[in-house]
Amino acid sequence: MGTPFDRLHDEIPLIRAIHTAVKGRARYKVSGLHHSKALKRYLELRLSKEEIIAQARANHLTGNILVIFHPDKSPNAIALLLQEIVLDYTKQIQSSPVTSTVTGLPIAKVREKLKKLEQVGNRLVLVSFAVGTLLSCTVLLCGYGLDKAILLSIQKLHTPLLDRIMLGITFLGEPLVLLLICLGWGAGLHHYKRHSEITTLFTAAFGAISLNILLKELFCRKRPALWNYIVNVRHYSFPSGHAMVSIVIYGFLSYLLAKQFPRYRKPILALTAILIVAIGFSRLYLGVHWPADVVAGYAAGLVWLTACILSLELEQKYHYLGASDC
């Protein structure tokens, strides 16, 4: 025949009394308390609201809880109360998203965050590979004198009809046209109160133009003079402003569209890529840029575009987390 506390242990497996020598004071071993700060807080909060409890101190490192209670109450009654609280806590945990003991966040959210980090990492790897490839092409074009040979080959394609088509395509990459597109798009975003996207759009646009001017002044490369131009050009040649600014602005707008209409993501990105490549090719067709200028413009623009998109995503993520905490 065991002691009352032995029977208590058999009937209440969640709670085990380990010290009850002093009347009105007892220490218990609580199942699940070990290394659980959440259960520690929950126990102390619930017990603080009980009139019969004078004091309760839980220790998540040892899994024990010290309870000072009304002398008229028995340790068995306190154990039953503790079990009720632990069972309530367990029900709440089971009915809510499971939390990570490391981060304190729901595991679903932790997995989502890890997945997003993995996606960002994959994106950065792809961008780094693309930029490295473009820069390698730039070096090869300049180092082996392929620039001139490529332009002379393109010149053989010239026809009056193709001249007009290329003038129309290159017009879509003019800085003034791109800025007007940004203003129109920004007005639409303002209507829907998407202020962070407006800020990023204009940061991307003005940043790309400013960076392009800075790079032109840094390298001071002269434009090709293989035949007479049919467009007015000024400033230096390297890197191509049309290629660099168009990949940033059209790339960012396609990113917004793809997010808004995920079903049409692939056609949106494909059409945008075709437009950007066509603008770069038009500069070669018109003879106002070396191939290395266009390739370097794409490389620099891709880096700036990626930085702008990542900054927007981080801002939106922190804004969302801040709103969810309120």
Protein backbone atom coordinates (compact mmCIF):
# COMPACT_ATOMS: atom_id res chain seq x y z
CA MET A 1 0.00 0.00 0.00
CA GLY A 2 1.64 3.24 -1.13
CA THR A 3 1.60 6.74 0.27
CA PRO A 4 -1.02 9.30 -0.79
CA PHE A 5 1.60 10.91 -2.99
CA ASP A 6 2.39 7.60 -4.68
CA ARG A 7 -1.28 7.27 -5.54
CA LEU A 8 -1.27 10.89 -6.69
CA HIS A 9 1.59 10.10 -9.06
CA ASP A 10 -0.34 7.14 -10.48
CA GLU A 11 -3.52 9.17 -10.96
CA ILE A 12 -1.86 12.40 -12.14
CA PRO A 13 1.10 11.53 -14.40
CA LEU A 14 1.59 15.16 -15.43
CA ILE A 15 2.34 16.31 -11.88
CA ARG A 16 4.64 14.70 -9.31
CA ALA A 17 4.99 16.08 -5.78
CA ILE A 18 8.64 16.05 -4.71
CA HIS A 19 8.58 18.08 -1.47
CA THR A 20 5.56 18.60 0.80
CA ALA A 21 7.07 18.67 4.27
CA VAL A 22 5.96 22.22 5.11
CA LYS A 23 2.25 22.92 5.40
CA GLY A 24 1.02 25.38 2.78
CA ARG A 25 4.17 24.92 0.74
CA ALA A 26 4.99 22.25 -1.87
CA ARG A 27 7.29 21.64 -4.80
CA TYR A 28 6.17 19.69 -7.86
CA LYS A 29 7.76 18.18 -10.92
CA VAL A 30 5.69 19.27 -13.94
CA SER A 31 5.76 17.24 -17.13
CA GLY A 32 6.65 19.45 -20.10
CA LEU A 33 8.00 22.32 -18.02
CA HIS A 34 11.64 21.40 -18.62
CA HIS A 35 13.13 23.93 -21.11
CA SER A 36 9.69 25.46 -21.81
CA LYS A 37 9.63 29.15 -20.98
CA ALA A 38 6.13 29.39 -22.46
CA LEU A 39 4.70 26.84 -20.00
CA LYS A 40 6.60 28.52 -17.14
CA ARG A 41 4.95 31.87 -17.95
CA TYR A 42 1.54 30.25 -18.40
CA LEU A 43 1.71 28.42 -15.05
CA GLU A 44 2.80 31.50 -13.13
CA LEU A 45 0.15 33.65 -14.81
CA ARG A 46 -2.68 31.21 -14.14
CA LEU A 47 -1.63 30.54 -10.55
CA SER A 48 -1.34 34.28 -9.81
CA LYS A 49 -5.07 34.57 -10.52
CA GLU A 50 -6.01 31.86 -8.01
CA GLU A 51 -7.08 33.16 -4.59
CA ILE A 52 -5.71 30.13 -2.76
CA ILE A 53 -2.21 30.65 -4.20
CA ALA A 54 0.02 33.13 -2.39
CA GLN A 55 3.07 32.63 -4.59
CA ALA A 56 4.28 30.39 -7.44
CA ARG A 57 7.74 30.20 -8.96
CA ALA A 58 8.35 27.86 -11.90
CA ASN A 59 11.81 26.85 -13.06
CA HIS A 60 11.98 25.79 -16.72
CA LEU A 61 15.57 24.59 -16.28
CA THR A 62 14.71 21.97 -13.63
CA GLY A 63 11.07 21.41 -14.57
CA ASN A 64 9.98 22.14 -10.98
CA ILE A 65 7.49 24.60 -9.57
CA LEU A 66 7.35 25.90 -6.00
CA VAL A 67 3.84 26.78 -4.81
CA ILE A 68 2.92 28.58 -1.59
CA PHE A 69 -0.81 28.18 -0.98
CA HIS A 70 -3.53 28.52 1.65
CA PRO A 71 -2.75 26.19 4.61
CA ASP A 72 -6.26 24.75 4.52
CA LYS A 73 -5.63 23.27 1.08
CA SER A 74 -3.85 19.96 0.61
CA PRO A 75 -0.90 19.35 -1.73
CA ASN A 76 -3.16 16.94 -3.60
CA ALA A 77 -5.63 19.72 -4.38
CA ILE A 78 -2.82 21.94 -5.62
CA ALA A 79 -1.56 19.09 -7.81
CA LEU A 80 -5.02 18.70 -9.31
CA LEU A 81 -5.07 22.45 -10.00
CA LEU A 82 -1.65 22.24 -11.64
CA GLN A 83 -2.79 19.35 -13.82
CA GLU A 84 -5.84 21.30 -14.93
CA ILE A 85 -3.64 24.24 -15.92
CA VAL A 86 -1.17 22.01 -17.79
CA LEU A 87 -4.01 20.29 -19.65
CA ASP A 88 -5.47 23.69 -20.62
CA TYR A 89 -2.06 24.74 -21.91
CA THR A 90 -1.73 21.51 -23.90
CA LYS A 91 -5.15 22.03 -25.51
CA GLN A 92 -4.21 25.57 -26.52
CA ILE A 93 -0.95 24.37 -28.07
CA GLN A 94 -2.74 21.62 -30.00
CA SER A 95 -5.40 23.99 -31.31
CA SER A 96 -2.87 26.67 -32.36
CA PRO A 97 0.15 26.51 -34.71
CA VAL A 98 3.03 24.57 -33.18
CA THR A 99 5.84 26.84 -32.04
CA SER A 100 9.55 26.45 -32.38
CA THR A 101 11.42 26.18 -29.08
CA VAL A 102 14.34 28.06 -30.67
CA THR A 103 12.59 31.09 -32.17
CA GLY A 104 9.29 31.10 -30.28
CA LEU A 105 7.51 31.47 -33.65
CA PRO A 106 5.01 29.05 -35.17
CA ILE A 107 6.89 26.29 -37.00
CA ALA A 108 4.88 27.02 -40.15
CA LYS A 109 6.19 30.59 -40.06
CA VAL A 110 9.71 29.41 -39.34
CA ARG A 111 9.56 27.09 -42.32
CA GLU A 112 8.14 29.90 -44.44
CA LYS A 113 10.95 32.22 -43.39
CA LEU A 114 13.57 29.56 -44.13
CA LYS A 115 11.99 28.92 -47.52
CA LYS A 116 12.07 32.64 -48.31
CA LEU A 117 15.69 32.87 -47.22
CA GLU A 118 16.46 29.92 -49.47
CA GLN A 119 14.66 31.63 -52.35
CA VAL A 120 16.62 34.84 -51.75
CA GLY A 121 19.85 32.85 -51.67
CA ASN A 122 18.97 31.06 -54.91
CA ARG A 123 18.08 34.37 -56.51
CA LEU A 124 21.36 35.93 -55.48
CA VAL A 125 23.27 32.94 -56.85
CA LEU A 126 21.47 33.25 -60.20
CA VAL A 127 22.04 37.00 -60.33
CA SER A 128 25.71 36.57 -59.44
CA PHE A 129 26.09 33.97 -62.18
CA ALA A 130 24.32 36.21 -64.71
CA VAL A 131 26.37 39.27 -63.79
CA GLY A 132 29.60 37.26 -63.85
CA THR A 133 28.71 35.93 -67.30
CA LEU A 134 27.87 39.39 -68.61
CA LEU A 135 31.07 40.88 -67.25
CA SER A 136 33.09 38.04 -68.75
CA CYS A 137 31.46 38.72 -72.10
CA THR A 138 32.31 42.40 -71.75
CA VAL A 139 35.96 41.61 -71.13
CA LEU A 140 36.08 39.19 -74.07
CA LEU A 141 34.40 41.65 -76.42
CA CYS A 142 36.83 44.42 -75.49
CA GLY A 143 39.93 42.27 -75.16
CA TYR A 144 39.64 40.36 -78.43
CA GLY A 145 38.36 43.18 -80.61
CA LEU A 146 35.01 41.52 -81.30
CA ASP A 147 33.06 44.74 -80.82
CA LYS A 148 33.83 46.09 -84.29
CA ALA A 149 33.27 42.77 -86.06
CA ILE A 150 29.83 42.34 -84.47
CA LEU A 151 28.72 45.87 -85.41
CA LEU A 152 29.86 45.45 -89.00
CA SER A 153 27.92 42.18 -89.20
CA ILE A 154 24.79 43.88 -87.87
CA GLN A 155 25.18 46.69 -90.41
CA LYS A 156 24.51 44.17 -93.18
CA LEU A 157 20.95 43.78 -91.83
CA HIS A 158 20.06 47.43 -92.46
CA THR A 159 16.91 48.14 -94.46
CA PRO A 160 14.66 51.26 -94.45
CA LEU A 161 11.83 49.30 -92.78
CA LEU A 162 14.11 47.83 -90.13
CA ASP A 163 15.55 51.30 -89.52
CA ARG A 164 12.10 52.61 -88.59
CA ILE A 165 11.37 49.59 -86.40
CA MET A 166 14.64 49.99 -84.52
CA LEU A 167 14.02 53.71 -84.05
CA GLY A 168 10.66 52.86 -82.45
CA ILE A 169 12.20 50.23 -80.19
CA THR A 170 15.08 52.45 -79.09
CA PHE A 171 12.53 55.20 -78.34
CA LEU A 172 11.07 52.93 -75.64
CA GLY A 173 14.44 53.00 -73.89
CA GLU A 174 14.85 56.79 -73.86
CA PRO A 175 15.36 58.08 -70.29
CA LEU A 176 12.60 60.69 -70.69
CA VAL A 177 10.12 58.06 -71.91
CA LEU A 178 11.04 55.76 -69.05
CA LEU A 179 10.57 58.54 -66.52
CA LEU A 180 7.13 59.34 -67.97
CA ILE A 181 6.22 55.66 -67.68
CA CYS A 182 7.36 55.76 -64.04
CA LEU A 183 5.21 58.83 -63.37
CA GLY A 184 2.14 57.17 -64.86
CA TRP A 185 2.75 53.93 -63.00
CA GLY A 186 3.47 55.83 -59.80
CA ALA A 187 0.12 57.63 -60.10
CA GLY A 188 -1.63 54.27 -60.35
CA LEU A 189 0.23 52.92 -57.33
CA HIS A 190 -0.62 56.07 -55.38
CA HIS A 191 -4.31 55.49 -56.11
CA TYR A 192 -4.04 52.09 -54.42
CA LYS A 193 -1.84 53.51 -51.61
CA ARG A 194 1.12 51.27 -52.41
CA HIS A 195 3.60 53.82 -51.15
CA SER A 196 6.57 51.52 -50.59
CA GLU A 197 6.40 50.40 -54.22
CA ILE A 198 6.25 54.01 -55.41
CA THR A 199 9.34 54.89 -53.38
CA THR A 200 11.25 51.87 -54.69
CA LEU A 201 10.21 52.54 -58.29
CA PHE A 202 11.57 56.09 -58.30
CA THR A 203 14.62 55.08 -56.30
CA ALA A 204 15.30 52.43 -58.94
CA ALA A 205 14.78 54.86 -61.82
CA PHE A 206 16.80 57.81 -60.56
CA GLY A 207 19.44 55.52 -59.08
CA ALA A 208 19.92 53.74 -62.43
CA ILE A 209 20.20 57.00 -64.36
CA SER A 210 22.61 58.52 -61.85
CA LEU A 211 24.74 55.38 -61.70
CA ASN A 212 24.89 55.22 -65.49
CA ILE A 213 26.09 58.82 -65.75
CA LEU A 214 28.71 58.15 -63.09
CA LEU A 215 30.01 55.06 -64.92
CA LYS A 216 30.13 56.92 -68.24
CA GLU A 217 32.22 59.68 -66.67
CA LEU A 218 34.44 57.08 -65.05
CA PHE A 219 35.25 55.10 -68.22
CA CYS A 220 34.95 57.92 -70.82
CA ARG A 221 34.69 55.46 -73.73
CA LYS A 222 33.98 57.01 -77.12
CA ARG A 223 31.06 55.86 -79.20
CA PRO A 224 31.66 53.81 -82.36
CA ALA A 225 32.02 55.80 -85.59
CA LEU A 226 31.61 53.08 -88.21
CA TRP A 227 28.77 54.78 -90.11
CA ASN A 228 26.58 57.89 -89.89
CA TYR A 229 24.03 57.88 -87.09
CA ILE A 230 20.31 58.32 -87.78
CA VAL A 231 19.69 59.29 -84.14
CA ASN A 232 21.08 62.06 -81.99
CA VAL A 233 23.45 60.85 -79.26
CA ARG A 234 25.57 62.56 -76.66
CA HIS A 235 27.72 61.65 -73.70
CA TYR A 236 30.06 58.68 -73.54
CA SER A 237 29.38 55.15 -74.70
CA PHE A 238 30.15 52.78 -71.79
CA PRO A 239 27.89 51.43 -70.37
CA SER A 240 24.73 51.76 -72.46
CA GLY A 241 22.17 53.90 -70.66
CA HIS A 242 19.31 52.44 -72.69
CA ALA A 243 20.29 48.88 -71.71
CA MET A 244 20.96 49.69 -68.07
CA VAL A 245 17.94 51.89 -67.32
CA SER A 246 15.49 49.77 -69.32
CA ILE A 247 16.43 46.55 -67.50
CA VAL A 248 15.93 48.34 -64.18
CA ILE A 249 12.60 50.05 -64.89
CA TYR A 250 10.94 47.49 -67.15
CA GLY A 251 12.34 44.73 -64.95
CA PHE A 252 10.88 46.31 -61.82
CA LEU A 253 7.49 46.94 -63.44
CA SER A 254 7.35 43.34 -64.65
CA TYR A 255 8.18 42.21 -61.10
CA LEU A 256 5.19 44.19 -59.78
CA LEU A 257 2.91 42.82 -62.50
CA ALA A 258 4.06 39.24 -61.90
CA LYS A 259 3.26 39.63 -58.20
CA GLN A 260 -0.13 41.14 -58.97
CA PHE A 261 -1.00 38.50 -61.58
CA PRO A 262 0.92 35.33 -60.61
CA ARG A 263 -1.02 33.24 -63.16
CA TYR A 264 0.60 35.24 -65.96
CA ARG A 265 4.04 35.46 -64.39
CA LYS A 266 5.90 33.56 -67.10
CA PRO A 267 4.48 35.46 -70.10
CA ILE A 268 4.99 38.78 -68.31
CA LEU A 269 8.65 38.03 -67.59
CA ALA A 270 9.21 36.59 -71.08
CA LEU A 271 7.75 39.62 -72.86
CA THR A 272 9.75 41.95 -70.62
CA ALA A 273 12.96 40.08 -71.39
CA ILE A 274 12.24 40.30 -75.14
CA LEU A 275 11.63 44.05 -74.88
CA ILE A 276 14.83 44.66 -72.90
CA VAL A 277 16.93 42.59 -75.32
CA ALA A 278 15.31 44.36 -78.28
CA ILE A 279 16.20 47.77 -76.84
CA GLY A 280 19.82 46.69 -76.38
CA PHE A 281 19.97 45.28 -79.91
CA SER A 282 18.50 48.49 -81.34
CA ARG A 283 21.46 50.44 -79.94
CA LEU A 284 23.82 48.08 -81.77
CA TYR A 285 21.77 48.23 -84.96
CA LEU A 286 21.88 52.02 -84.91
CA GLY A 287 25.64 51.90 -84.36
CA VAL A 288 25.66 54.15 -81.31
CA HIS A 289 27.05 51.57 -78.88
CA TRP A 290 29.63 48.83 -78.82
CA PRO A 291 28.35 45.36 -77.84
CA ALA A 292 30.42 45.55 -74.64
CA ASP A 293 28.52 48.74 -73.70
CA VAL A 294 25.17 46.99 -73.91
CA VAL A 295 26.33 43.86 -72.07
CA ALA A 296 27.89 45.94 -69.27
CA GLY A 297 24.70 48.00 -69.06
CA TYR A 298 22.68 44.84 -68.51
CA ALA A 299 25.12 43.64 -65.82
CA ALA A 300 25.09 46.92 -63.87
CA GLY A 301 21.33 47.28 -64.25
CA LEU A 302 20.70 43.73 -63.04
CA VAL A 303 22.68 44.35 -59.87
CA TRP A 304 20.79 47.57 -59.13
CA LEU A 305 17.42 45.99 -59.97
CA THR A 306 18.10 43.08 -57.60
CA ALA A 307 19.10 45.45 -54.81
CA CYS A 308 15.89 47.47 -55.25
CA ILE A 309 13.63 44.41 -55.29
CA LEU A 310 15.28 42.90 -52.20
CA SER A 311 15.01 46.20 -50.31
CA LEU A 312 11.30 46.41 -51.17
CA GLU A 313 10.67 42.83 -50.04
CA LEU A 314 12.51 43.42 -46.76
CA GLU A 315 10.56 46.62 -46.12
CA GLN A 316 7.24 44.93 -46.81
CA LYS A 317 8.18 41.95 -44.64
CA TYR A 318 9.09 44.13 -41.64
CA HIS A 319 5.97 46.22 -42.16
CA TYR A 320 3.85 43.05 -42.17
CA LEU A 321 5.54 41.69 -39.04
CA GLY A 322 5.10 45.03 -37.30
CA ALA A 323 1.42 45.11 -38.18
CA SER A 324 0.89 41.53 -37.01
CA ASP A 325 2.49 42.32 -33.65
CA CYS A 326 0.04 45.14 -32.97
